[in-house]
């Protein structure tokens, strides 16, 4: 059984539509990871000044839903622009 928790901390008990979006609700789970994966997650999270759980969530979201960070989208756009410039040059 999952324990659901609202990601936002509010002092009022009235929920807004934004509160009910699935990306704003967290489910506590238990899982097993290979130790080398966990070590690498923690190492990367430390470099990014974030929690490893947050980084794991971000990686899963990107892989499952194709969500990209702003930096990744800019990199992709730059690659596409270079291809277009080569074609017209």
Protein backbone atom coordinates (compact mmCIF):
# COMPACT_ATOMS: atom_id res chain seq x y z
CA UNK A 1 0.00 0.00 0.00
CA UNK A 2 1.38 3.41 -0.97
CA UNK A 3 1.31 6.39 1.32
CA UNK A 4 0.37 9.50 -0.64
CA UNK A 5 1.66 12.87 0.39
CA UNK A 6 0.99 16.30 -1.06
CA UNK A 7 4.25 17.81 -2.29
CA UNK A 8 3.24 21.35 -1.30
CA UNK A 9 3.26 22.44 2.31
CA UNK A 10 0.20 24.53 3.11
CA UNK A 11 -1.42 25.54 6.34
CA UNK A 12 -4.94 25.47 4.88
CA UNK A 13 -7.01 22.38 4.27
CA UNK A 14 -8.57 23.56 0.98
CA UNK A 15 -7.11 21.83 -2.06
CA UNK A 16 -6.69 23.55 -5.38
CA UNK A 17 -6.67 21.92 -8.83
CA UNK A 18 -2.88 22.28 -8.92
CA UNK A 19 -2.60 20.22 -5.73
CA UNK A 20 -4.35 17.27 -7.36
CA UNK A 21 -2.07 16.95 -10.38
CA UNK A 22 -0.24 13.63 -10.28
CA UNK A 23 3.18 15.30 -10.50
CA UNK A 24 2.41 17.16 -7.26
CA UNK A 25 1.52 14.05 -5.28
CA UNK A 26 4.27 11.73 -4.05
CA UNK A 27 3.94 8.02 -3.28
CA UNK A 28 6.29 6.39 -0.78
CA UNK A 29 7.67 3.14 -2.18
CA UNK A 30 10.31 0.60 -1.28
CA UNK A 31 12.59 -0.68 -4.03
CA UNK A 32 15.98 -2.28 -4.45
CA UNK A 33 18.77 -0.72 -6.52
CA UNK A 34 22.19 -2.04 -7.37
CA UNK A 35 24.70 -0.45 -5.01
CA UNK A 36 26.76 1.04 -7.86
CA UNK A 37 23.61 2.79 -9.19
CA UNK A 38 22.78 4.20 -5.79
CA UNK A 39 26.36 5.41 -5.30
CA UNK A 40 26.33 7.11 -8.70
CA UNK A 41 22.93 8.71 -8.05
CA UNK A 42 24.17 10.11 -4.75
CA UNK A 43 27.38 11.35 -6.35
CA UNK A 44 25.55 13.13 -9.19
CA UNK A 45 22.96 14.54 -6.80
CA UNK A 46 25.70 15.98 -4.62
CA UNK A 47 27.27 17.67 -7.66
CA UNK A 48 23.87 19.13 -8.58
CA UNK A 49 23.15 20.18 -4.97
CA UNK A 50 19.98 18.14 -4.79
CA UNK A 51 18.69 14.99 -3.11
CA UNK A 52 19.32 11.69 -4.83
CA UNK A 53 15.60 10.87 -4.66
CA UNK A 54 14.81 14.08 -6.55
CA UNK A 55 17.42 13.23 -9.17
CA UNK A 56 16.04 9.69 -9.52
CA UNK A 57 12.52 11.09 -9.98
CA UNK A 58 13.81 13.48 -12.64
CA UNK A 59 15.65 10.70 -14.51
CA UNK A 60 12.62 8.42 -14.43
CA UNK A 61 10.30 11.23 -15.57
CA UNK A 62 12.61 12.06 -18.47
CA UNK A 63 12.93 8.42 -19.58
CA UNK A 64 9.28 7.50 -19.18
CA UNK A 65 7.60 10.68 -20.39
CA UNK A 66 10.31 12.24 -22.52
CA UNK A 67 10.49 15.29 -20.28
CA UNK A 68 13.68 17.21 -20.96
CA UNK A 69 15.40 19.86 -18.94
CA UNK A 70 15.83 23.32 -20.43
CA UNK A 71 19.51 22.59 -21.01
CA UNK A 72 18.71 19.38 -22.89
CA UNK A 73 16.11 21.12 -25.05
CA UNK A 74 18.58 23.91 -25.90
CA UNK A 75 21.25 21.33 -26.82
CA UNK A 76 18.79 19.54 -29.10
CA UNK A 77 17.73 22.80 -30.76
CA UNK A 78 21.37 23.79 -31.31
CA UNK A 79 22.02 20.44 -33.03
CA UNK A 80 19.01 20.93 -35.29
CA UNK A 81 20.06 24.49 -36.15
CA UNK A 82 23.57 23.30 -37.07
CA UNK A 83 22.07 20.69 -39.42
CA UNK A 84 19.92 23.34 -41.12
CA UNK A 85 22.87 25.73 -41.45
CA UNK A 86 24.96 22.95 -43.07
CA UNK A 87 22.19 22.25 -45.57
CA UNK A 88 21.80 25.87 -46.65
CA UNK A 89 25.54 26.69 -46.62
